Protein backbone atom coordinates (compact mmCIF):
# COMPACT_ATOMS: atom_id res chain seq x y z
CA MET A 1 -178.32 -70.32 74.61
CA SER A 2 -180.90 -68.40 75.50
CA LEU A 3 -183.35 -66.28 72.74
CA TYR A 4 -183.68 -63.07 73.02
CA ALA A 5 -184.43 -59.52 70.96
CA LYS A 6 -181.82 -56.94 70.88
CA SER A 7 -184.40 -54.64 71.24
CA SER A 8 -188.30 -53.91 71.10
CA PRO A 9 -189.17 -57.95 69.62
CA PRO A 10 -191.69 -57.86 66.48
CA ASP A 11 -195.67 -58.73 67.98
CA ASP A 12 -195.71 -62.84 68.04
CA SER A 13 -199.82 -62.98 70.34
CA ASP A 14 -200.72 -65.08 67.77
CA GLY A 15 -197.47 -67.49 67.64
CA ILE A 16 -197.10 -66.39 63.92
CA LEU A 17 -193.17 -65.99 64.05
CA ALA A 18 -193.11 -69.70 65.42
CA GLN A 19 -194.85 -70.74 61.94
CA LEU A 20 -192.81 -68.04 60.06
CA ARG A 21 -191.43 -69.79 56.61
CA PRO A 22 -188.32 -70.02 56.39
CA ARG A 23 -187.00 -69.27 59.14
CA ILE A 24 -183.07 -68.13 58.82
CA VAL A 25 -180.14 -68.35 61.37
CA VAL A 26 -178.07 -65.75 60.23
CA ASP A 27 -174.10 -66.32 62.23
CA GLY A 28 -173.03 -62.86 63.32
CA VAL A 29 -169.25 -64.63 63.49
CA PHE A 30 -167.71 -60.94 61.40
CA PHE A 31 -169.16 -59.35 64.75
CA GLN A 32 -166.79 -60.64 67.12
CA ARG A 33 -163.79 -59.49 65.32
CA GLN A 34 -164.92 -56.78 63.60
CA SER A 35 -167.59 -53.82 63.38
CA SER A 36 -166.74 -51.67 60.10
CA GLY A 37 -166.22 -53.10 56.75
CA ILE A 38 -168.41 -55.99 56.67
CA ALA A 39 -170.10 -55.35 59.65
CA ARG A 40 -171.83 -52.39 57.78
CA VAL A 41 -172.96 -54.23 55.00
CA TRP A 42 -174.62 -56.85 57.63
CA THR A 43 -175.47 -53.81 60.00
CA ALA A 44 -177.63 -52.29 56.90
CA LEU A 45 -178.98 -55.45 55.48
CA LEU A 46 -180.73 -55.98 59.29
CA GLU A 47 -181.95 -52.27 59.37
CA GLU A 48 -183.90 -52.55 55.57
CA TRP A 49 -185.29 -55.89 56.78
CA ALA A 50 -186.65 -54.36 59.71
CA LYS A 51 -188.51 -51.89 57.35
CA SER A 52 -190.12 -54.33 55.80
CA GLY A 53 -191.24 -56.60 57.60
CA PHE A 54 -188.12 -59.57 56.29
CA ILE A 55 -186.45 -59.69 59.86
CA ARG A 56 -188.91 -61.58 61.46
CA HIS A 57 -187.74 -64.44 59.25
CA ILE A 58 -184.70 -63.97 60.81
CA ILE A 59 -182.43 -65.56 63.94
CA PHE A 60 -179.09 -63.87 64.59
CA LEU A 61 -176.50 -65.76 65.81
CA ASP A 62 -174.57 -63.32 68.29
CA ARG A 63 -171.36 -64.69 69.16
CA SER A 64 -170.53 -64.83 72.87
CA GLY A 65 -172.17 -61.26 73.47
CA ALA A 66 -169.96 -59.39 70.23
CA SER A 67 -171.22 -55.87 69.09
CA VAL A 68 -174.34 -57.17 67.76
CA PRO A 69 -176.46 -54.78 66.25
CA GLN A 70 -179.13 -52.62 67.56
CA ILE A 71 -182.42 -53.51 65.09
CA PRO A 72 -185.84 -53.40 66.05
CA GLY A 73 -187.22 -56.90 65.70
CA LEU A 74 -183.71 -58.75 65.43
CA ARG A 75 -184.04 -62.05 67.55
CA CYS A 76 -180.55 -62.88 68.50
CA GLU A 77 -179.68 -66.38 70.04
CA ARG A 78 -176.10 -65.99 71.78
CA ILE A 79 -174.35 -68.83 71.50
CA HIS A 80 -169.96 -69.93 71.54
CA ALA A 81 -167.10 -67.82 70.60
CA HIS A 82 -165.84 -68.43 66.98
CA ASP A 83 -162.02 -70.00 66.94
CA TYR A 84 -160.03 -70.85 64.17
CA GLY A 85 -158.27 -73.53 65.78
CA ARG A 86 -161.84 -75.41 66.35
CA THR A 87 -163.78 -75.21 62.98
CA GLY A 88 -164.46 -78.60 62.92
CA ALA A 89 -166.42 -78.36 66.20
CA ASP A 90 -167.67 -75.22 65.48
CA SER A 91 -169.56 -76.46 62.46
CA LEU A 92 -170.69 -79.58 64.73
CA ALA A 93 -172.04 -77.01 67.12
CA LEU A 94 -173.45 -74.82 64.61
CA GLU A 95 -175.84 -77.77 63.53
CA ARG A 96 -177.06 -78.56 66.92
CA VAL A 97 -177.86 -74.67 67.40
CA CYS A 98 -180.20 -74.74 64.00
CA ARG A 99 -181.91 -77.82 64.61
CA LYS A 100 -182.90 -76.43 68.31
CA LEU A 101 -183.96 -73.08 66.20
CA ASP A 102 -185.54 -75.39 63.70
CA ALA A 103 -183.88 -73.55 60.99
CA ASP A 104 -185.01 -74.08 57.22
CA LEU A 105 -181.80 -71.93 55.77
CA PHE A 106 -178.04 -70.70 56.80
CA VAL A 107 -176.31 -68.07 55.90
CA SER A 108 -172.89 -66.39 57.52
CA THR A 109 -171.57 -63.21 57.49
CA TYR A 110 -168.13 -64.77 57.02
CA TYR A 111 -167.60 -68.65 55.68
CA THR A 112 -169.19 -70.96 58.56
CA THR A 113 -171.37 -74.03 58.01
CA PRO A 114 -173.56 -76.08 60.36
CA THR A 115 -173.45 -80.05 58.83
CA ALA A 116 -176.97 -80.80 57.11
CA THR A 117 -178.56 -77.27 57.29
CA PRO A 118 -178.86 -75.97 54.05
CA SER A 119 -176.91 -72.41 53.67
CA LEU A 120 -176.62 -69.96 51.46
CA PHE A 121 -172.72 -68.80 50.57
CA PHE A 122 -172.67 -64.99 50.94
CA GLY A 123 -169.11 -63.66 49.54
CA TYR A 124 -166.99 -60.66 49.47
CA ASP A 125 -164.63 -61.35 47.38
CA MET A 126 -161.89 -63.93 45.47
CA ILE A 127 -158.84 -61.86 46.32
CA PRO A 128 -156.87 -64.68 48.17
CA GLU A 129 -157.46 -66.88 45.60
CA MET A 130 -156.77 -64.33 42.75
CA ILE A 131 -153.47 -63.09 44.50
CA GLY A 132 -152.18 -66.21 45.10
CA ALA A 133 -152.43 -66.25 48.74
CA ASP A 134 -151.65 -69.34 51.31
CA LEU A 135 -155.28 -70.42 50.89
CA SER A 136 -153.91 -73.34 53.34
CA ARG A 137 -154.69 -70.90 56.24
CA GLU A 138 -158.02 -72.22 58.15
CA ALA A 139 -159.84 -68.94 57.19
CA TRP A 140 -159.35 -69.85 53.48
CA GLN A 141 -159.94 -73.57 54.23
CA GLU A 142 -163.18 -72.20 55.68
CA LYS A 143 -164.32 -70.23 52.89
CA ARG A 144 -163.79 -72.99 50.33
CA ARG A 145 -166.22 -75.35 52.62
CA ALA A 146 -168.67 -72.86 53.01
CA ILE A 147 -168.33 -72.53 48.78
CA LEU A 148 -169.03 -76.35 48.87
CA HIS A 149 -171.69 -76.79 51.35
CA ALA A 150 -173.86 -74.30 49.70
CA ALA A 151 -176.85 -74.74 48.19
CA ALA A 152 -176.60 -71.00 46.67
CA ARG A 153 -174.26 -68.54 46.14
CA VAL A 154 -174.11 -64.64 46.64
CA MET A 155 -171.67 -62.46 45.67
CA ILE A 156 -171.23 -58.20 45.95
CA SER A 157 -169.72 -57.57 41.78
CA GLU A 158 -170.52 -59.27 39.27
CA ASN A 159 -167.08 -59.66 38.32
CA SER A 160 -166.48 -61.49 41.58
CA ALA A 161 -169.32 -63.87 40.78
CA ARG A 162 -167.94 -64.70 37.68
CA ASP A 163 -164.28 -65.42 39.35
CA LEU A 164 -165.80 -67.69 42.02
CA GLU A 165 -167.56 -69.45 39.27
CA ARG A 166 -164.62 -69.81 37.25
CA ILE A 167 -161.91 -70.92 40.12
CA TYR A 168 -164.69 -73.72 40.89
CA GLY A 169 -165.74 -74.75 37.76
CA LEU A 170 -169.54 -73.62 38.40
CA PRO A 171 -172.05 -72.84 35.72
CA GLY A 172 -171.86 -69.55 34.44
CA ALA A 173 -174.14 -67.38 35.97
CA SER A 174 -175.10 -69.26 38.68
CA THR A 175 -173.99 -66.86 41.09
CA ARG A 176 -176.39 -64.14 42.08
CA VAL A 177 -175.25 -60.84 42.89
CA ALA A 178 -176.37 -57.85 44.88
CA HIS A 179 -174.18 -54.77 44.78
CA CYS A 180 -173.48 -53.14 48.32
CA GLY A 181 -174.84 -49.26 49.16
CA VAL A 182 -173.32 -46.27 50.55
CA TRP A 183 -172.94 -46.38 54.01
CA ARG A 184 -175.58 -43.73 55.69
CA SER A 185 -172.10 -41.69 56.77
CA PHE A 186 -171.21 -40.78 53.16
CA PHE A 187 -172.77 -37.78 51.71
CA ARG A 188 -171.40 -34.12 50.56
CA PRO A 189 -170.59 -32.48 53.16
CA SER A 190 -170.68 -28.47 53.79
CA PRO A 191 -168.51 -26.31 53.19
CA GLN A 192 -167.64 -25.81 57.25
CA GLU A 193 -166.97 -29.39 57.58
CA VAL A 194 -164.38 -29.59 54.80
CA ALA A 195 -162.71 -25.86 56.16
CA SER A 196 -162.82 -27.62 59.86
CA LEU A 197 -160.87 -30.70 58.36
CA ARG A 198 -158.33 -28.50 56.80
CA SER A 199 -157.50 -26.69 59.92
CA LYS A 200 -157.50 -29.37 62.00
CA TYR A 201 -154.47 -31.03 59.83
CA ARG A 202 -153.28 -28.34 58.58
CA LEU A 203 -153.88 -28.41 55.20
CA THR A 204 -155.49 -24.91 54.45
CA ASP A 205 -153.29 -23.24 51.98
CA GLN A 206 -152.44 -27.23 50.16
CA ARG A 207 -155.09 -29.28 47.39
CA TYR A 208 -154.66 -32.58 48.05
CA VAL A 209 -155.27 -36.58 46.88
CA LEU A 210 -156.31 -38.82 48.92
CA MET A 211 -155.70 -42.85 49.33
CA VAL A 212 -157.61 -44.54 51.65
CA GLY A 213 -157.12 -48.20 53.04
CA GLU A 214 -154.10 -49.99 52.20
CA ARG A 215 -151.40 -49.06 50.34
CA VAL A 216 -149.44 -52.74 49.70
CA SER A 217 -151.22 -55.27 51.04
CA VAL A 218 -150.73 -58.73 50.24
CA ASP A 219 -148.19 -59.46 47.39
CA GLY A 220 -148.76 -55.34 46.77
CA TYR A 221 -151.91 -56.21 44.95
CA LYS A 222 -152.97 -52.64 46.59
CA ASN A 223 -150.21 -50.78 43.66
CA GLY A 224 -149.31 -47.66 45.89
CA GLU A 225 -146.01 -47.45 43.98
CA LEU A 226 -148.56 -46.19 41.29
CA VAL A 227 -149.78 -42.98 43.33
CA PHE A 228 -146.42 -41.95 44.71
CA SER A 229 -144.59 -42.46 41.40
CA ALA A 230 -147.56 -40.53 39.34
CA LEU A 231 -147.00 -38.12 42.26
CA SER A 232 -143.74 -37.55 41.76
CA ARG A 233 -144.33 -36.49 37.33
CA LEU A 234 -146.85 -33.86 38.39
CA PRO A 235 -144.97 -30.18 37.23
CA ASP A 236 -143.88 -27.72 39.87
CA SER A 237 -147.61 -25.73 39.62
CA LEU A 238 -149.30 -28.25 40.64
CA ARG A 239 -147.76 -30.11 44.05
CA LEU A 240 -150.45 -31.81 45.54
CA ALA A 241 -149.70 -33.09 49.40
CA LEU A 242 -150.81 -36.47 49.41
CA VAL A 243 -153.37 -37.59 52.45
CA CYS A 244 -153.48 -41.44 53.94
CA VAL A 245 -156.40 -42.54 55.64
CA GLY A 246 -156.18 -46.12 57.03
CA GLY A 247 -153.63 -48.85 56.15
CA SER A 248 -150.00 -49.24 58.30
CA PRO A 249 -149.70 -46.18 61.07
CA ILE A 250 -146.35 -45.36 59.03
CA ILE A 251 -146.37 -44.60 55.48
CA GLU A 252 -144.54 -47.43 53.85
CA PRO A 253 -140.71 -45.87 53.58
CA HIS A 254 -140.00 -47.51 49.99
CA LEU A 255 -143.48 -45.52 48.60
CA ALA A 256 -142.30 -42.27 50.54
CA ALA A 257 -139.00 -42.39 48.43
CA LEU A 258 -140.99 -42.48 45.45
CA ALA A 259 -142.29 -38.77 45.92
CA PRO A 260 -139.42 -37.07 47.89
CA GLN A 261 -140.44 -33.66 47.02
CA THR A 262 -144.41 -34.10 48.09
CA ARG A 263 -146.02 -33.55 51.50
CA MET A 264 -147.13 -36.68 53.17
CA ILE A 265 -149.57 -37.29 56.12
CA ARG A 266 -151.35 -40.63 57.07
CA LEU A 267 -154.43 -40.09 59.05
CA ARG A 268 -156.60 -42.08 60.71
CA LEU A 269 -160.19 -40.67 60.90
CA ASP A 270 -163.92 -41.21 61.96
CA ASP A 271 -166.50 -41.68 59.01
CA ASP A 272 -167.58 -37.74 59.78
CA GLU A 273 -163.92 -36.43 59.13
CA LEU A 274 -163.92 -39.41 56.16
CA ARG A 275 -166.51 -37.35 54.86
CA ALA A 276 -164.60 -34.23 55.17
CA ALA A 277 -162.13 -35.80 53.32
CA TYR A 278 -163.28 -36.82 50.46
CA GLY A 279 -164.99 -33.93 49.87
CA GLY A 280 -161.82 -31.41 50.01
CA ALA A 281 -159.97 -33.95 48.48
CA HIS A 282 -158.69 -33.10 44.57
CA ALA A 283 -159.21 -36.68 43.56
CA LEU A 284 -159.29 -39.88 45.23
CA LEU A 285 -156.58 -42.12 43.49
CA TYR A 286 -157.31 -46.08 44.07
CA PRO A 287 -154.93 -47.76 42.52
CA SER A 288 -155.78 -51.32 42.96
CA ARG A 289 -155.29 -54.60 40.71
CA TYR A 290 -157.93 -56.70 42.31
CA GLU A 291 -161.64 -55.70 44.15
CA GLY A 292 -164.17 -57.32 45.28
CA PHE A 293 -166.56 -54.50 45.28
CA GLY A 294 -164.35 -50.87 45.86
CA MET A 295 -166.10 -49.17 48.20
CA PRO A 296 -163.84 -46.49 48.91
CA VAL A 297 -164.76 -45.27 45.10
CA LEU A 298 -168.59 -45.10 45.79
CA GLU A 299 -167.94 -43.28 48.95
CA ALA A 300 -165.78 -40.78 47.52
CA MET A 301 -168.57 -40.46 44.54
CA ALA A 302 -171.12 -39.99 47.40
CA CYS A 303 -168.92 -37.51 48.91
CA GLY A 304 -168.27 -35.08 45.65
CA ALA A 305 -164.79 -36.12 45.35
CA PRO A 306 -163.48 -36.56 41.59
CA VAL A 307 -162.10 -40.45 41.38
CA VAL A 308 -158.94 -41.55 39.17
CA THR A 309 -158.41 -45.67 39.59
CA CYS A 310 -157.97 -48.66 37.04
CA ARG A 311 -159.91 -50.61 35.13
CA ASN A 312 -159.91 -54.41 36.37
CA SER A 313 -161.51 -56.56 38.46
CA SER A 314 -164.80 -54.60 39.78
CA ILE A 315 -163.59 -51.43 39.85
CA ALA A 316 -165.00 -50.88 36.61
CA GLU A 317 -168.25 -52.38 37.30
CA ILE A 318 -168.70 -50.03 39.98
CA ALA A 319 -167.21 -46.76 38.71
CA GLY A 320 -168.90 -46.69 35.57
CA ASP A 321 -168.01 -44.00 33.07
CA ALA A 322 -168.09 -41.78 36.34
CA ALA A 323 -164.23 -41.83 36.84
CA LEU A 324 -160.77 -40.91 35.22
CA PHE A 325 -159.53 -44.60 34.30
CA VAL A 326 -155.61 -45.23 34.16
CA GLY A 327 -153.12 -48.48 33.45
CA GLU A 328 -151.98 -50.20 36.26
CA ASP A 329 -148.78 -49.93 35.95
CA ASP A 330 -148.59 -46.30 34.08
CA PRO A 331 -147.31 -44.06 36.44
CA GLY A 332 -147.66 -41.27 33.64
CA SER A 333 -151.42 -41.45 32.87
CA MET A 334 -152.22 -41.31 36.86
CA ALA A 335 -150.36 -37.87 36.16
CA GLN A 336 -151.93 -36.63 33.28
CA ALA A 337 -155.58 -37.76 35.03
CA ILE A 338 -154.86 -35.59 38.38
CA GLU A 339 -153.82 -32.90 36.00
CA ARG A 340 -156.95 -32.88 34.13
CA LEU A 341 -158.70 -32.48 36.78
CA GLY A 342 -156.62 -29.04 37.48
CA ASP A 343 -159.08 -28.13 35.10
CA GLU A 344 -162.32 -26.55 37.10
CA ASN A 345 -164.90 -27.49 33.98
CA VAL A 346 -163.41 -31.36 33.91
CA ARG A 347 -163.57 -31.12 37.55
CA GLN A 348 -167.29 -30.75 37.80
CA GLU A 349 -168.25 -32.74 35.23
CA PHE A 350 -166.96 -36.26 36.99
CA ILE A 351 -168.16 -34.92 40.66
CA MET A 352 -171.49 -34.58 38.84
CA ARG A 353 -171.12 -38.39 36.82
CA GLY A 354 -169.88 -39.84 40.27
CA ALA A 355 -172.73 -38.41 42.71
CA ALA A 356 -174.77 -40.14 39.78
CA GLN A 357 -173.62 -42.99 39.68
CA ALA A 358 -173.34 -43.19 43.57
CA ARG A 359 -177.45 -42.68 43.66
CA LYS A 360 -177.18 -46.33 41.52
CA PHE A 361 -176.27 -48.30 44.62
CA SER A 362 -178.52 -48.86 47.96
CA PHE A 363 -178.87 -50.84 50.99
CA ALA A 364 -182.87 -51.02 49.93
CA ASP A 365 -182.07 -52.35 46.35
CA MET A 366 -179.49 -55.15 48.05
CA ALA A 367 -181.34 -56.35 50.99
CA ARG A 368 -184.43 -56.90 48.59
CA GLN A 369 -181.95 -58.96 46.93
CA VAL A 370 -180.70 -60.80 49.15
CA ALA A 371 -183.54 -61.50 50.74
CA ASP A 372 -185.45 -63.27 47.90
CA ALA A 373 -182.52 -65.45 47.00
CA LEU A 374 -182.99 -66.58 50.28
CA ILE A 375 -186.47 -67.19 50.05
CA ASP A 376 -185.45 -68.85 46.60
CA VAL A 377 -182.92 -71.12 48.16
CA HIS A 378 -185.78 -72.24 50.52
CA ARG A 379 -188.23 -73.29 47.80
CA GLY A 380 -185.53 -74.51 45.69
CA ILE A 381 -184.44 -76.70 48.63
CA THR A 382 -188.16 -77.54 49.54
CA SER A 383 -189.28 -78.68 46.22
CA GLY A 384 -186.05 -80.40 45.02
CA GLU A 385 -184.75 -78.51 42.00
CA LEU A 386 -181.91 -77.80 44.92
CA ALA A 387 -180.03 -80.41 47.03
CA PRO A 388 -179.81 -80.35 50.60
CA PRO A 389 -175.97 -80.80 52.18
CA ASN A 390 -174.75 -84.61 51.30
CA GLY A 391 -174.60 -86.83 54.42
CA VAL A 392 -170.69 -86.59 54.25
CA TRP A 393 -170.15 -83.45 56.12
CA GLN A 394 -171.00 -84.58 59.46
CA ASP A 395 -168.07 -86.83 59.11
CA LEU A 396 -166.04 -84.31 57.16
CA ARG A 397 -166.53 -81.97 60.24
CA GLU A 398 -166.10 -85.25 63.09
CA THR A 399 -162.78 -86.13 61.85
CA LEU A 400 -161.79 -82.46 61.66
CA GLN A 401 -162.95 -81.74 64.84
CA THR A 402 -160.90 -84.89 66.19
CA SER A 403 -157.51 -83.72 64.10
CA GLN A 404 -158.02 -80.06 65.92
CA SER A 405 -158.05 -81.91 69.49
CA PRO A 406 -155.43 -81.34 72.12
CA ALA A 407 -155.16 -85.09 72.39
CA ILE A 408 -153.50 -85.01 68.56
CA PHE A 409 -151.95 -82.42 69.12
CA GLY A 410 -149.70 -84.06 71.99
CA LEU A 411 -149.49 -87.08 69.91
CA LEU A 412 -147.67 -85.60 66.89
CA LEU A 413 -145.67 -84.17 69.73
CA ARG A 414 -144.35 -87.03 71.26
CA ARG A 415 -143.85 -88.61 67.59
CA GLU A 416 -141.65 -86.28 66.35
CA LEU A 417 -139.91 -85.52 69.87
CA ARG A 418 -138.92 -89.37 70.05
CA ARG A 419 -137.84 -88.61 66.29
CA GLN A 420 -135.71 -85.45 66.69
CA THR A 421 -134.03 -87.17 69.59
CA LEU A 422 -132.50 -89.81 67.96
CA ALA A 423 -131.47 -88.27 65.34
CA LEU A 424 -129.93 -85.47 67.50
CA LEU A 425 -128.23 -88.62 69.63
CA ARG A 426 -126.82 -89.87 66.47
CA ARG A 427 -124.39 -87.08 65.54
CA PHE A 428 -122.15 -86.89 67.92
CA GLY A 429 -121.25 -84.00 70.18
CA ALA A 430 -124.63 -82.77 69.62
CA ASP A 431 -126.82 -82.31 73.26
CA PRO A 432 -130.67 -83.29 72.91
CA ALA A 433 -131.26 -80.90 76.23
CA ARG A 434 -130.88 -77.78 73.50
CA SER A 435 -133.71 -79.24 71.35
CA ARG A 436 -136.08 -76.59 71.22
CA ILE A 437 -138.84 -79.65 70.68
CA LEU A 438 -137.55 -80.88 74.48
CA VAL A 439 -138.10 -77.57 75.54
CA MET A 440 -141.56 -77.61 74.61
CA ALA A 441 -142.01 -81.17 75.54
CA ARG A 442 -141.47 -80.28 79.12
CA GLU A 443 -143.17 -76.64 78.66
CA LEU A 444 -146.21 -79.24 77.74
CA GLN A 445 -145.69 -81.13 80.82
CA ARG A 446 -145.84 -78.43 83.49
CA ASP A 447 -148.77 -76.96 81.62
CA PRO A 448 -150.90 -79.31 79.86
CA ALA A 449 -153.64 -76.13 79.75
CA ARG A 450 -150.85 -75.27 76.94
CA SER A 451 -150.65 -78.52 74.54
CA VAL A 452 -152.34 -76.90 71.71
CA THR A 453 -150.68 -73.42 71.99
CA ILE A 454 -147.04 -75.69 71.97
CA ALA A 455 -148.33 -78.43 69.88
CA GLY A 456 -149.32 -75.40 67.40
CA THR A 457 -146.07 -73.77 67.39
CA PHE A 458 -144.13 -76.49 66.86
CA LEU A 459 -146.09 -77.77 64.03
CA ARG A 460 -146.01 -74.18 62.33
CA ASP A 461 -142.45 -73.32 62.96
CA ARG A 462 -140.80 -76.43 62.46
CA LEU A 463 -143.11 -78.75 60.07
CA GLY A 464 -144.14 -76.54 58.27
CA ARG A 465 -148.03 -78.08 58.38
CA ARG A 466 -150.31 -75.24 58.77
CA ARG A 467 -153.41 -76.58 58.71
CA TRP A 468 -152.62 -76.93 62.56
CA VAL A 469 -153.12 -73.72 63.60
CA SER A 470 -153.00 -72.99 67.28
CA GLN A 471 -156.14 -72.39 69.67
CA GLN A 472 -154.70 -68.89 70.19
CA GLU A 473 -153.22 -67.76 67.02
CA GLY A 474 -156.63 -68.28 65.19
CA LYS A 475 -158.45 -66.03 68.53
CA ARG A 476 -155.57 -63.58 66.95
CA ARG A 477 -155.87 -63.88 63.24
CA PRO A 478 -158.32 -61.29 61.34
CA PRO A 479 -161.07 -63.20 59.45
């Protein structure tokens, strides 16, 4: 591990940085996996902290040379890569890093924790918990551990904060809220930009509505059916194309079948083109049943697109009175909202409202609120008002580290091998050599280095013990 600066470090000729408190370690684990979305939020926070000088309190953990933002004065410590198959060992290693850096406080970009160093939980949504996702996945187990480890919490919307408190039985209004801002790429595009996009994708002579992001997702919570069903209800005089940005590379056939007369195209756009797509759209249609924030809503408003969406979760909070709201299961009301925007006076009214709403959100405000939360947590820990992590976290992480070791995988594999072999031998005519576990055991003997992969595959597919996750799968999983 080596401390370095990604760009010119702040002047520390008098040793001020070494004495500056609190010293806050930020784990850049999310940057190891993606460079958009959450990574953009943290890039914006770090940029604002560089402007204000708060960056001097920060040491950023660079996960094995990941794509770390180039921020003036940002000090970085390069450490090991994250692996969901070794979360116990990862937490113990983070504690050693925090002690080496003499950290006062820890905050993660995505749900990692040390053991004894106090932490602030920074969360984005409660989608997995609210939609009934498989919470036994190690990623969501880590989120739960991070919430329980934290001395305090910050969420990016009021609705997500209240959901977190309700689900975990925490005191009401105990979670701070720091709303995201609008990323710098999203503002009102020029007519030339819009015309260029229309020409490139053959939309010159046709109005279109826009969908951004996933259209289905887990258990269908993105609610794309609402949009496609609504488009099928539009009159012939208002036939609009549907432009889908992101999500599955192929528009889902069961959705497309709901609007057979509608022209549909799926595009992958960079920020500049997406800005133009927003600016040229008849409307952004955002039918989600639950969001932690709803960034496309703000992006569309900042770019001059009216928004048609559903009044739920954080969406109502973010959209304010600047969107047309429809029922989650009412395609007729969405069709009517789309038709309303055919009136130019109505359209301009919602464009103006959207622009005013988008201006209420800024990353400068968010950075100040998160910095205040970090400082207050440190003060609370120092004064005794907030409790540091319980010593049990060290024991829990050591136990988890042991359970995730290749030796334990091998032990479980051998035990199950004996059990299945005996069961097969009791069945006359069965050929034990055809048992999948025997094949896997032979692979294990030939290539011990694959023990984690082999045992993880067996335990996941045959035993259903989802907490045993192979090291290689952990590397492939999205955060």
